[in-house]
Amino acid sequence: MPAKTPNHLEDCKIEKSLWRSGRFNDDGDELVVAFGTQLDKPGYFMAWEVKQKRPECISWNGKVNWYPRMFWEDLPNHTSRIMVLDFPEIFQETSPAQKTYYHTLNDTVIEHDGEYYVKLEKHHVDPISKKPIYIPALKTIDKDAYSLAVSYVQWFNENHRQLITHDRLLSPAKKARRRRKARIERKLHNKFGIDKTRYMST
């Protein structure tokens, strides 16, 4: 028997928004990542948070309700997996988040005498001392469900921004991405007044 296709009005419930993307539609609804359940399974939604009670939305709490678009189930992970929180994406994303990654014991995380250690990766070479500078290798290819949802919304919003601004999707080539990253850093510097060169190595 095929699995039931969820009906969002009957099978989905949302408790609260956890991360805001800063993108609003013409009705003033904001695209968020929210926690809830689908078919009684906990997970995270990409959803529009709506301040007016509407019949197509769910989980009205007296202030907001939501229109869910996608769902990532919070699947239980193997006991040997360690969850590690990455640094905030202040200089990587126009709508920064802080994501969590699964690490494997004795692979990307080492346990010794009850303490856990993550590996280091080379970041750059100091221009004066010529010595390599290392940073904690916190990212892996295995994000948790919340981080998967946030990453998708960031990607979704960036594609939307490119289509609106340039009427096309921009080149995914490495050099083009580097130029866009530099523009984001300048934009964040202008917005927050943060001098990256003073606090972070390039």
N, C-alpha and C. Protein backbone atom coordinates (compact mmCIF):
# COMPACT_ATOMS: atom_id res chain seq x y z
N MET A 1 0.85 -1.19 0.00
CA MET A 1 0.00 0.00 0.00
C MET A 1 0.89 1.25 0.00
N PRO A 2 0.68 2.17 -0.92
CA PRO A 2 1.54 3.36 -0.98
C PRO A 2 1.38 4.23 0.25
N ALA A 3 2.46 4.94 0.58
CA ALA A 3 2.43 5.83 1.73
C ALA A 3 1.46 6.98 1.48
N LYS A 4 0.84 7.42 2.56
CA LYS A 4 -0.13 8.50 2.45
C LYS A 4 0.56 9.81 2.08
N THR A 5 0.00 10.53 1.11
CA THR A 5 0.48 11.86 0.78
C THR A 5 -0.10 12.85 1.78
N PRO A 6 0.77 13.56 2.50
CA PRO A 6 0.25 14.44 3.57
C PRO A 6 -0.64 15.56 3.04
N ASN A 7 -1.71 15.81 3.74
CA ASN A 7 -2.56 16.97 3.51
C ASN A 7 -2.19 17.98 4.59
N HIS A 8 -1.67 19.13 4.19
CA HIS A 8 -1.11 20.03 5.19
C HIS A 8 -2.15 20.54 6.18
N LEU A 9 -3.41 20.64 5.76
CA LEU A 9 -4.44 21.12 6.67
C LEU A 9 -4.79 20.08 7.73
N GLU A 10 -4.65 18.80 7.40
CA GLU A 10 -5.02 17.72 8.31
C GLU A 10 -3.82 17.09 9.02
N ASP A 11 -2.70 17.02 8.34
CA ASP A 11 -1.58 16.21 8.82
C ASP A 11 -0.39 17.00 9.34
N CYS A 12 -0.43 18.31 9.23
CA CYS A 12 0.71 19.12 9.64
C CYS A 12 0.33 20.06 10.79
N LYS A 13 1.24 20.20 11.73
CA LYS A 13 1.07 21.13 12.83
C LYS A 13 2.40 21.85 13.04
N ILE A 14 2.34 23.14 13.29
CA ILE A 14 3.55 23.92 13.54
C ILE A 14 3.45 24.57 14.91
N GLU A 15 4.54 24.48 15.67
CA GLU A 15 4.56 25.04 17.02
C GLU A 15 5.15 26.45 17.05
N LYS A 16 6.26 26.67 16.34
CA LYS A 16 6.90 27.98 16.39
C LYS A 16 7.93 28.12 15.27
N SER A 17 8.21 29.37 14.91
CA SER A 17 9.25 29.68 13.95
C SER A 17 10.59 29.72 14.69
N LEU A 18 11.61 29.12 14.05
CA LEU A 18 12.93 29.05 14.69
C LEU A 18 13.97 29.95 14.01
N TRP A 19 13.81 30.19 12.72
CA TRP A 19 14.79 30.99 11.98
C TRP A 19 14.04 31.79 10.92
N ARG A 20 14.40 33.06 10.80
CA ARG A 20 13.73 33.96 9.86
C ARG A 20 14.67 34.31 8.72
N SER A 21 14.17 34.19 7.51
CA SER A 21 15.02 34.42 6.34
C SER A 21 15.08 35.89 5.95
N GLY A 22 14.13 36.70 6.44
CA GLY A 22 14.09 38.10 6.04
C GLY A 22 13.47 38.35 4.70
N ARG A 23 12.91 37.30 4.08
CA ARG A 23 12.23 37.46 2.79
C ARG A 23 10.73 37.53 3.02
N PHE A 24 10.10 38.57 2.49
CA PHE A 24 8.67 38.76 2.61
C PHE A 24 8.02 38.73 1.23
N ASN A 25 6.80 38.19 1.17
CA ASN A 25 6.05 38.23 -0.08
C ASN A 25 5.20 39.50 -0.14
N ASP A 26 4.42 39.64 -1.18
CA ASP A 26 3.63 40.86 -1.37
C ASP A 26 2.57 41.06 -0.29
N ASP A 27 2.20 39.99 0.41
CA ASP A 27 1.21 40.09 1.48
C ASP A 27 1.83 40.38 2.84
N GLY A 28 3.17 40.49 2.87
CA GLY A 28 3.84 40.75 4.13
C GLY A 28 4.14 39.51 4.95
N ASP A 29 3.98 38.32 4.35
CA ASP A 29 4.30 37.07 5.04
C ASP A 29 5.80 36.81 4.92
N GLU A 30 6.40 36.30 6.00
CA GLU A 30 7.84 36.04 5.98
C GLU A 30 8.12 34.55 5.83
N LEU A 31 9.12 34.22 5.01
CA LEU A 31 9.53 32.83 4.82
C LEU A 31 10.44 32.44 5.99
N VAL A 32 10.07 31.38 6.70
CA VAL A 32 10.78 30.99 7.92
C VAL A 32 11.05 29.49 7.90
N VAL A 33 11.88 29.06 8.84
CA VAL A 33 12.00 27.64 9.17
C VAL A 33 11.33 27.46 10.52
N ALA A 34 10.37 26.55 10.59
CA ALA A 34 9.56 26.37 11.79
C ALA A 34 9.58 24.91 12.23
N PHE A 35 9.40 24.70 13.52
CA PHE A 35 9.35 23.34 14.07
C PHE A 35 7.90 22.88 14.19
N GLY A 36 7.67 21.61 13.86
CA GLY A 36 6.34 21.05 13.99
C GLY A 36 6.34 19.57 13.67
N THR A 37 5.17 19.06 13.31
CA THR A 37 5.03 17.64 12.98
C THR A 37 4.27 17.48 11.68
N GLN A 38 4.62 16.43 10.96
CA GLN A 38 3.87 16.00 9.78
C GLN A 38 3.58 14.52 9.94
N LEU A 39 2.31 14.16 9.91
CA LEU A 39 1.89 12.79 10.18
C LEU A 39 2.46 12.33 11.53
N ASP A 40 2.45 13.23 12.51
CA ASP A 40 2.90 12.98 13.88
C ASP A 40 4.41 12.74 13.99
N LYS A 41 5.16 13.04 12.93
CA LYS A 41 6.61 12.89 12.97
C LYS A 41 7.23 14.28 13.11
N PRO A 42 8.10 14.48 14.11
CA PRO A 42 8.68 15.80 14.32
C PRO A 42 9.69 16.17 13.23
N GLY A 43 9.78 17.47 12.97
CA GLY A 43 10.73 17.93 11.97
C GLY A 43 10.61 19.42 11.77
N TYR A 44 11.11 19.87 10.62
CA TYR A 44 11.22 21.30 10.36
C TYR A 44 10.61 21.64 9.01
N PHE A 45 9.86 22.73 9.00
CA PHE A 45 9.16 23.17 7.81
C PHE A 45 9.81 24.41 7.21
N MET A 46 9.84 24.49 5.89
CA MET A 46 9.94 25.77 5.22
C MET A 46 8.50 26.24 5.07
N ALA A 47 8.21 27.41 5.65
CA ALA A 47 6.81 27.85 5.68
C ALA A 47 6.73 29.37 5.65
N TRP A 48 5.61 29.85 5.16
CA TRP A 48 5.32 31.28 5.25
C TRP A 48 4.63 31.53 6.59
N GLU A 49 5.19 32.44 7.36
CA GLU A 49 4.55 32.85 8.62
C GLU A 49 3.59 33.99 8.32
N VAL A 50 2.31 33.78 8.63
CA VAL A 50 1.24 34.69 8.24
C VAL A 50 0.59 35.28 9.50
N LYS A 51 0.46 36.59 9.53
CA LYS A 51 -0.08 37.26 10.72
C LYS A 51 -1.60 37.34 10.72
N GLN A 52 -2.23 37.08 9.56
CA GLN A 52 -3.69 37.06 9.51
C GLN A 52 -4.16 35.61 9.47
N LYS A 53 -5.25 35.33 10.15
CA LYS A 53 -5.78 33.97 10.13
C LYS A 53 -6.41 33.71 8.76
N ARG A 54 -5.88 32.71 8.05
CA ARG A 54 -6.35 32.39 6.71
C ARG A 54 -6.73 30.91 6.63
N PRO A 55 -7.72 30.58 5.82
CA PRO A 55 -8.20 29.19 5.77
C PRO A 55 -7.18 28.21 5.21
N GLU A 56 -6.22 28.68 4.41
CA GLU A 56 -5.23 27.78 3.82
C GLU A 56 -4.04 27.55 4.74
N CYS A 57 -4.02 28.25 5.89
CA CYS A 57 -2.91 28.15 6.82
C CYS A 57 -3.26 27.24 8.00
N ILE A 58 -2.24 26.89 8.77
CA ILE A 58 -2.43 25.95 9.89
C ILE A 58 -1.90 26.55 11.19
N SER A 59 -2.37 25.98 12.29
CA SER A 59 -1.82 26.23 13.63
C SER A 59 -1.91 27.68 14.08
N TRP A 60 -3.07 28.30 13.89
CA TRP A 60 -3.28 29.66 14.38
C TRP A 60 -3.13 29.69 15.90
N ASN A 61 -2.28 30.60 16.41
CA ASN A 61 -2.04 30.67 17.85
C ASN A 61 -2.52 31.98 18.46
N GLY A 62 -3.33 32.72 17.73
CA GLY A 62 -3.81 34.00 18.19
C GLY A 62 -3.01 35.17 17.65
N LYS A 63 -1.80 34.88 17.16
CA LYS A 63 -0.94 35.93 16.59
C LYS A 63 -0.53 35.61 15.15
N VAL A 64 -0.13 34.38 14.90
CA VAL A 64 0.31 33.98 13.57
C VAL A 64 -0.17 32.56 13.27
N ASN A 65 -0.19 32.23 11.98
CA ASN A 65 -0.32 30.85 11.53
C ASN A 65 0.65 30.67 10.37
N TRP A 66 0.71 29.47 9.82
CA TRP A 66 1.75 29.16 8.84
C TRP A 66 1.16 28.46 7.61
N TYR A 67 1.81 28.72 6.47
CA TYR A 67 1.51 27.98 5.25
C TYR A 67 2.75 27.17 4.90
N PRO A 68 2.76 25.86 5.20
CA PRO A 68 3.97 25.04 4.99
C PRO A 68 4.21 24.75 3.50
N ARG A 69 5.48 24.75 3.13
CA ARG A 69 5.88 24.46 1.76
C ARG A 69 6.65 23.15 1.63
N MET A 70 7.60 22.92 2.53
CA MET A 70 8.40 21.69 2.51
C MET A 70 8.66 21.24 3.94
N PHE A 71 9.03 19.96 4.09
CA PHE A 71 9.22 19.38 5.43
C PHE A 71 10.45 18.48 5.43
N TRP A 72 11.25 18.60 6.50
CA TRP A 72 12.40 17.73 6.73
C TRP A 72 12.18 17.01 8.05
N GLU A 73 12.00 15.70 7.99
CA GLU A 73 11.77 14.92 9.21
C GLU A 73 13.04 14.86 10.05
N ASP A 74 12.89 15.00 11.35
CA ASP A 74 14.02 14.93 12.27
C ASP A 74 14.29 13.46 12.58
N LEU A 75 15.05 12.81 11.71
CA LEU A 75 15.30 11.38 11.83
C LEU A 75 16.28 11.09 12.96
N PRO A 76 16.04 10.03 13.71
CA PRO A 76 17.01 9.65 14.75
C PRO A 76 18.31 9.21 14.09
N ASN A 77 19.43 9.64 14.67
CA ASN A 77 20.73 9.30 14.10
C ASN A 77 21.42 8.24 14.95
N HIS A 78 22.43 7.61 14.36
CA HIS A 78 23.15 6.54 15.04
C HIS A 78 23.83 7.06 16.31
N THR A 79 23.93 6.21 17.31
CA THR A 79 24.46 6.63 18.60
C THR A 79 25.93 7.03 18.52
N SER A 80 26.65 6.60 17.49
CA SER A 80 28.06 6.96 17.38
C SER A 80 28.25 8.34 16.76
N ARG A 81 27.16 9.00 16.42
CA ARG A 81 27.24 10.31 15.78
C ARG A 81 27.22 11.41 16.84
N ILE A 82 28.09 12.39 16.65
CA ILE A 82 28.19 13.53 17.55
C ILE A 82 27.72 14.77 16.81
N MET A 83 26.86 15.57 17.45
CA MET A 83 26.37 16.79 16.83
C MET A 83 27.25 17.96 17.25
N VAL A 84 27.77 18.69 16.25
CA VAL A 84 28.68 19.80 16.51
C VAL A 84 28.09 21.07 15.89
N LEU A 85 28.05 22.14 16.69
CA LEU A 85 27.49 23.41 16.24
C LEU A 85 28.58 24.23 15.56
N ASP A 86 28.30 24.69 14.34
CA ASP A 86 29.26 25.49 13.59
C ASP A 86 29.18 26.95 14.04
N PHE A 87 30.15 27.77 13.57
CA PHE A 87 30.14 29.19 13.86
C PHE A 87 29.01 29.88 13.09
N PRO A 88 28.51 31.00 13.58
CA PRO A 88 27.49 31.75 12.82
C PRO A 88 28.03 32.18 11.46
N GLU A 89 27.15 32.20 10.46
CA GLU A 89 27.54 32.49 9.08
C GLU A 89 27.52 34.00 8.79
N ILE A 90 28.16 34.76 9.64
CA ILE A 90 28.05 36.21 9.55
C ILE A 90 28.55 36.73 8.20
N PHE A 91 29.64 36.13 7.70
CA PHE A 91 30.23 36.63 6.47
C PHE A 91 29.97 35.72 5.27
N GLN A 92 29.09 34.73 5.43
CA GLN A 92 28.82 33.81 4.33
C GLN A 92 27.44 33.98 3.72
N GLU A 93 26.48 34.46 4.49
CA GLU A 93 25.11 34.52 4.02
C GLU A 93 24.50 35.88 4.34
N THR A 94 23.63 36.36 3.44
CA THR A 94 22.93 37.61 3.71
C THR A 94 21.93 37.45 4.85
N SER A 95 21.42 36.22 5.03
CA SER A 95 20.57 35.90 6.19
C SER A 95 21.28 34.79 6.98
N PRO A 96 22.19 35.17 7.88
CA PRO A 96 23.03 34.17 8.54
C PRO A 96 22.24 33.23 9.44
N ALA A 97 22.79 32.03 9.60
CA ALA A 97 22.25 31.05 10.53
C ALA A 97 23.42 30.41 11.26
N GLN A 98 23.11 29.52 12.17
CA GLN A 98 24.14 28.73 12.85
C GLN A 98 23.69 27.28 12.74
N LYS A 99 24.46 26.48 12.02
CA LYS A 99 24.03 25.13 11.66
C LYS A 99 24.76 24.06 12.47
N THR A 100 24.14 22.89 12.51
CA THR A 100 24.68 21.76 13.25
C THR A 100 25.01 20.63 12.29
N TYR A 101 26.14 19.98 12.54
CA TYR A 101 26.61 18.90 11.67
C TYR A 101 26.85 17.64 12.50
N TYR A 102 26.55 16.50 11.88
CA TYR A 102 26.85 15.22 12.51
C TYR A 102 28.31 14.84 12.22
N HIS A 103 29.00 14.39 13.26
CA HIS A 103 30.37 13.90 13.13
C HIS A 103 30.43 12.45 13.59
N THR A 104 31.36 11.71 13.02
CA THR A 104 31.52 10.30 13.34
C THR A 104 32.71 10.11 14.28
N LEU A 105 32.49 9.40 15.37
CA LEU A 105 33.57 9.12 16.31
C LEU A 105 34.71 8.38 15.62
N ASN A 106 35.93 8.76 15.99
CA ASN A 106 37.16 8.17 15.44
C ASN A 106 37.32 8.43 13.96
N ASP A 107 36.59 9.42 13.46
CA ASP A 107 36.77 9.85 12.08
C ASP A 107 36.95 11.36 12.06
N THR A 108 35.87 12.11 12.14
CA THR A 108 35.97 13.57 12.19
C THR A 108 35.97 14.10 13.62
N VAL A 109 35.64 13.25 14.58
CA VAL A 109 35.73 13.59 16.01
C VAL A 109 36.45 12.45 16.72
N ILE A 110 37.36 12.82 17.63
CA ILE A 110 38.11 11.83 18.39
C ILE A 110 37.74 11.97 19.86
N GLU A 111 37.52 10.83 20.53
CA GLU A 111 37.21 10.82 21.96
C GLU A 111 38.43 10.31 22.72
N HIS A 112 38.81 11.05 23.78
CA HIS A 112 39.95 10.64 24.60
C HIS A 112 39.67 11.02 26.04
N ASP A 113 39.65 10.05 26.90
CA ASP A 113 39.42 10.25 28.34
C ASP A 113 38.14 11.05 28.59
N GLY A 114 37.11 10.73 27.84
CA GLY A 114 35.82 11.38 28.04
C GLY A 114 35.69 12.75 27.41
N GLU A 115 36.72 13.23 26.73
CA GLU A 115 36.68 14.52 26.04
C GLU A 115 36.65 14.29 24.53
N TYR A 116 35.98 15.21 23.82
CA TYR A 116 35.87 15.11 22.38
C TYR A 116 36.74 16.18 21.72
N TYR A 117 37.38 15.79 20.62
CA TYR A 117 38.26 16.70 19.89
C TYR A 117 37.91 16.64 18.40
N VAL A 118 37.79 17.82 17.81
CA VAL A 118 37.56 17.87 16.36
C VAL A 118 38.90 18.12 15.66
N LYS A 119 38.98 17.69 14.43
CA LYS A 119 40.19 17.89 13.66
C LYS A 119 40.31 19.35 13.22
N LEU A 120 41.53 19.72 12.87
CA LEU A 120 41.80 21.05 12.33
C LEU A 120 42.05 20.95 10.83
N GLU A 121 41.71 22.03 10.13
CA GLU A 121 41.99 22.09 8.71
C GLU A 121 42.71 23.40 8.40
N LYS A 122 43.59 23.33 7.42
CA LYS A 122 44.37 24.52 7.05
C LYS A 122 43.46 25.55 6.41
N HIS A 123 43.54 26.79 6.92
CA HIS A 123 42.68 27.86 6.42
C HIS A 123 43.45 28.79 5.48
N HIS A 124 44.62 29.25 5.93
CA HIS A 124 45.45 30.11 5.08
C HIS A 124 46.85 30.17 5.67
N VAL A 125 47.76 30.80 4.97
CA VAL A 125 49.12 30.99 5.44
C VAL A 125 49.29 32.44 5.87
N ASP A 126 49.79 32.65 7.09
CA ASP A 126 50.00 33.99 7.59
C ASP A 126 51.01 34.73 6.70
N PRO A 127 50.65 35.91 6.18
CA PRO A 127 51.53 36.59 5.24
C PRO A 127 52.84 37.08 5.85
N ILE A 128 52.90 37.23 7.18
CA ILE A 128 54.12 37.72 7.83
C ILE A 128 55.00 36.57 8.29
N SER A 129 54.41 35.66 9.09
CA SER A 129 55.21 34.56 9.63
C SER A 129 55.37 33.41 8.65
N LYS A 130 54.53 33.38 7.62
CA LYS A 130 54.52 32.30 6.62
C LYS A 130 54.10 30.96 7.23
N LYS A 131 53.53 31.01 8.42
CA LYS A 131 53.08 29.78 9.06
C LYS A 131 51.63 29.51 8.70
N PRO A 132 51.26 28.23 8.56
CA PRO A 132 49.85 27.91 8.27
C PRO A 132 48.96 28.19 9.47
N ILE A 133 47.77 28.70 9.18
CA ILE A 133 46.77 28.97 10.20
C ILE A 133 45.65 27.95 10.05
N TYR A 134 45.26 27.33 11.15
CA TYR A 134 44.25 26.27 11.12
C TYR A 134 42.97 26.73 11.81
N ILE A 135 41.87 26.14 11.39
CA ILE A 135 40.58 26.38 12.03
C ILE A 135 39.93 25.03 12.33
N PRO A 136 39.02 24.97 13.30
CA PRO A 136 38.32 23.70 13.57
C PRO A 136 37.51 23.24 12.36
N ALA A 137 37.61 21.97 12.04
CA ALA A 137 36.86 21.40 10.92
C ALA A 137 35.47 21.01 11.42
N LEU A 138 34.59 22.00 11.53
CA LEU A 138 33.27 21.77 12.13
C LEU A 138 32.25 21.27 11.12
N LYS A 139 32.43 21.60 9.85
CA LYS A 139 31.46 21.21 8.83
C LYS A 139 31.72 19.79 8.34
N THR A 140 30.63 19.07 8.08
CA THR A 140 30.69 17.79 7.37
C THR A 140 29.60 17.83 6.29
N ILE A 141 29.50 16.75 5.54
CA ILE A 141 28.45 16.69 4.50
C ILE A 141 27.10 16.32 5.11
N ASP A 142 27.08 16.04 6.41
CA ASP A 142 25.87 15.49 7.05
C ASP A 142 25.29 16.51 8.03
N LYS A 143 24.35 17.34 7.55
CA LYS A 143 23.68 18.30 8.42
C LYS A 143 22.50 17.64 9.12
N ASP A 144 22.09 18.22 10.25
CA ASP A 144 20.86 17.77 10.89
C ASP A 144 19.66 18.34 10.11
N ALA A 145 18.47 17.91 10.47
CA ALA A 145 17.27 18.29 9.70
C ALA A 145 17.03 19.79 9.71
N TYR A 146 17.24 20.43 10.86
CA TYR A 146 17.06 21.88 10.95
C TYR A 146 18.01 22.60 10.00
N SER A 147 19.27 22.20 10.00
CA SER A 147 20.26 22.85 9.15
C SER A 147 19.99 22.59 7.67
N LEU A 148 19.48 21.41 7.35
CA LEU A 148 19.09 21.13 5.96
C LEU A 148 17.98 22.07 5.52
N ALA A 149 17.01 22.28 6.39
CA ALA A 149 15.90 23.18 6.06
C ALA A 149 16.39 24.61 5.85
N VAL A 150 17.24 25.09 6.76
CA VAL A 150 17.76 26.45 6.64
C VAL A 150 18.58 26.59 5.35
N SER A 151 19.44 25.62 5.08
CA SER A 151 20.27 25.67 3.87
C SER A 151 19.42 25.73 2.61
N TYR A 152 18.32 24.98 2.60
CA TYR A 152 17.45 24.99 1.42
C TYR A 152 16.79 26.36 1.26
N VAL A 153 16.31 26.94 2.35
CA VAL A 153 15.66 28.25 2.26
C VAL A 153 16.67 29.31 1.80
N GLN A 154 17.90 29.24 2.30
CA GLN A 154 18.93 30.18 1.85
C GLN A 154 19.17 30.04 0.36
N TRP A 155 19.28 28.81 -0.11
CA TRP A 155 19.48 28.55 -1.55
C TRP A 155 18.27 29.04 -2.35
N PHE A 156 17.08 28.73 -1.87
CA PHE A 156 15.85 29.11 -2.53
C PHE A 156 15.75 30.64 -2.65
N ASN A 157 16.05 31.34 -1.56
CA ASN A 157 15.97 32.79 -1.57
C ASN A 157 17.04 33.42 -2.46
N GLU A 158 18.24 32.84 -2.47
CA GLU A 158 19.30 33.38 -3.31
C GLU A 158 18.96 33.23 -4.79
N ASN A 159 18.39 32.09 -5.17
CA ASN A 159 17.95 31.91 -6.56
C ASN A 159 16.86 32.92 -6.92
N HIS A 160 15.92 33.13 -5.99
CA HIS A 160 14.85 34.10 -6.22
C HIS A 160 15.44 35.50 -6.38
N ARG A 161 16.41 35.85 -5.53
CA ARG A 161 17.04 37.17 -5.62
C ARG A 161 17.75 37.36 -6.96
N GLN A 162 18.45 36.33 -7.42
CA GLN A 162 19.15 36.41 -8.70
C GLN A 162 18.18 36.60 -9.86
N LEU A 163 17.08 35.86 -9.84
CA LEU A 163 16.10 35.97 -10.93
C LEU A 163 15.45 37.34 -10.94
N ILE A 164 15.14 37.88 -9.75
CA ILE A 164 14.51 39.19 -9.68
C ILE A 164 15.49 40.29 -10.08
N THR A 165 16.73 40.17 -9.62
CA THR A 165 17.72 41.22 -9.85
C THR A 165 18.33 41.16 -11.25
N HIS A 166 18.63 39.94 -11.71
CA HIS A 166 19.38 39.78 -12.96
C HIS A 166 18.57 39.11 -14.07
N ASP A 167 17.35 38.68 -13.76
CA ASP A 167 16.50 37.98 -14.72
C ASP A 167 17.12 36.67 -15.19
N ARG A 168 18.02 36.12 -14.40
CA ARG A 168 18.66 34.83 -14.71
C ARG A 168 19.40 34.34 -13.48
N LEU A 169 19.76 33.06 -13.48
CA LEU A 169 20.60 32.53 -12.42
C LEU A 169 22.06 32.79 -12.75
N LEU A 170 22.82 33.23 -11.77
CA LEU A 170 24.21 33.59 -12.00
C LEU A 170 25.10 32.35 -12.10
N SER A 171 26.29 32.54 -12.64
CA SER A 171 27.22 31.44 -12.86
C SER A 171 27.62 30.78 -11.55
N PRO A 172 27.64 29.43 -11.50
CA PRO A 172 28.09 28.74 -10.29
C PRO A 172 29.60 28.53 -10.27
N ALA A 173 30.34 29.08 -11.26
CA ALA A 173 31.79 28.89 -11.33
C ALA A 173 32.47 29.43 -10.08
N LYS A 174 33.61 28.88 -9.74
CA LYS A 174 34.32 29.22 -8.51
C LYS A 174 34.68 30.70 -8.45
N LYS A 175 35.20 31.25 -9.55
CA LYS A 175 35.58 32.66 -9.56
C LYS A 175 34.37 33.57 -9.37
N ALA A 176 33.26 33.21 -10.02
CA ALA A 176 32.05 34.01 -9.89
C ALA A 176 31.51 33.96 -8.46
N ARG A 177 31.55 32.78 -7.85
CA ARG A 177 31.10 32.66 -6.46
C ARG A 177 32.00 33.45 -5.53
N ARG A 178 33.31 33.48 -5.80
CA ARG A 178 34.24 34.26 -4.99
C ARG A 178 33.93 35.75 -5.06
N ARG A 179 33.60 36.22 -6.28
CA ARG A 179 33.25 37.64 -6.42
C ARG A 179 31.97 37.96 -5.67
N ARG A 180 30.98 37.07 -5.73
CA ARG A 180 29.72 37.31 -5.02
C ARG A 180 29.95 37.27 -3.50
N LYS A 181 30.82 36.38 -3.04
CA LYS A 181 31.14 36.33 -1.62
C LYS A 181 31.75 37.64 -1.16
N ALA A 182 32.65 38.20 -1.98
CA ALA A 182 33.27 39.47 -1.63
C ALA A 182 32.23 40.59 -1.56
N ARG A 183 31.25 40.56 -2.47
CA ARG A 183 30.19 41.57 -2.44
C ARG A 183 29.34 41.44 -1.19
N ILE A 184 29.06 40.20 -0.78
CA ILE A 184 28.29 39.98 0.45
C ILE A 184 29.05 40.53 1.65
N GLU A 185 30.36 40.29 1.69
CA GLU A 185 31.16 40.79 2.80
C GLU A 185 31.15 42.31 2.87
N ARG A 186 31.23 42.96 1.69
CA ARG A 186 31.17 44.43 1.67
C ARG A 186 29.80 44.92 2.14
N LYS A 187 28.75 44.21 1.70
CA LYS A 187 27.40 44.60 2.09
C LYS A 187 27.21 44.47 3.60
N LEU A 188 27.72 43.38 4.19
CA LEU A 188 27.58 43.18 5.63
C LEU A 188 28.42 44.20 6.40
N HIS A 189 29.57 44.54 5.84
CA HIS A 189 30.39 45.57 6.49
C HIS A 189 29.65 46.90 6.52
N ASN A 190 29.02 47.25 5.40
CA ASN A 190 28.28 48.51 5.34
C ASN A 190 27.06 48.49 6.27
N LYS A 191 26.45 47.30 6.41
CA LYS A 191 25.23 47.18 7.21
C LYS A 191 25.53 47.21 8.69
N PHE A 192 26.59 46.48 9.11
CA PHE A 192 26.86 46.32 10.54
C PHE A 192 28.09 47.10 11.01
N GLY A 193 28.84 47.66 10.08
CA GLY A 193 30.03 48.40 10.47
C GLY A 193 31.14 47.53 10.98
N ILE A 194 31.18 46.27 10.54
CA ILE A 194 32.20 45.33 11.00
C ILE A 194 33.34 45.28 9.98
N ASP A 195 34.56 45.44 10.46
CA ASP A 195 35.73 45.33 9.59
C ASP A 195 36.24 43.91 9.68
N LYS A 196 35.99 43.11 8.66
CA LYS A 196 36.39 41.71 8.69
C LYS A 196 37.89 41.54 8.86
N THR A 197 38.68 42.40 8.19
CA THR A 197 40.13 42.25 8.24
C THR A 197 40.67 42.46 9.65
N ARG A 198 39.89 43.12 10.49
CA ARG A 198 40.35 43.39 11.86
C ARG A 198 40.10 42.20 12.77
N TYR A 199 39.05 41.42 12.49
CA TYR A 199 38.65 40.35 13.40
C TYR A 199 38.82 38.95 12.82
N MET A 200 38.86 38.85 11.50
CA MET A 200 38.94 37.52 10.88
C MET A 200 39.98 37.54 9.78
N SER A 201 40.70 36.43 9.64
CA SER A 201 41.69 36.34 8.58
C SER A 201 41.02 36.06 7.25
N THR A 202 41.52 36.64 6.19
CA THR A 202 40.95 36.43 4.86
C THR A 202 41.57 35.23 4.20
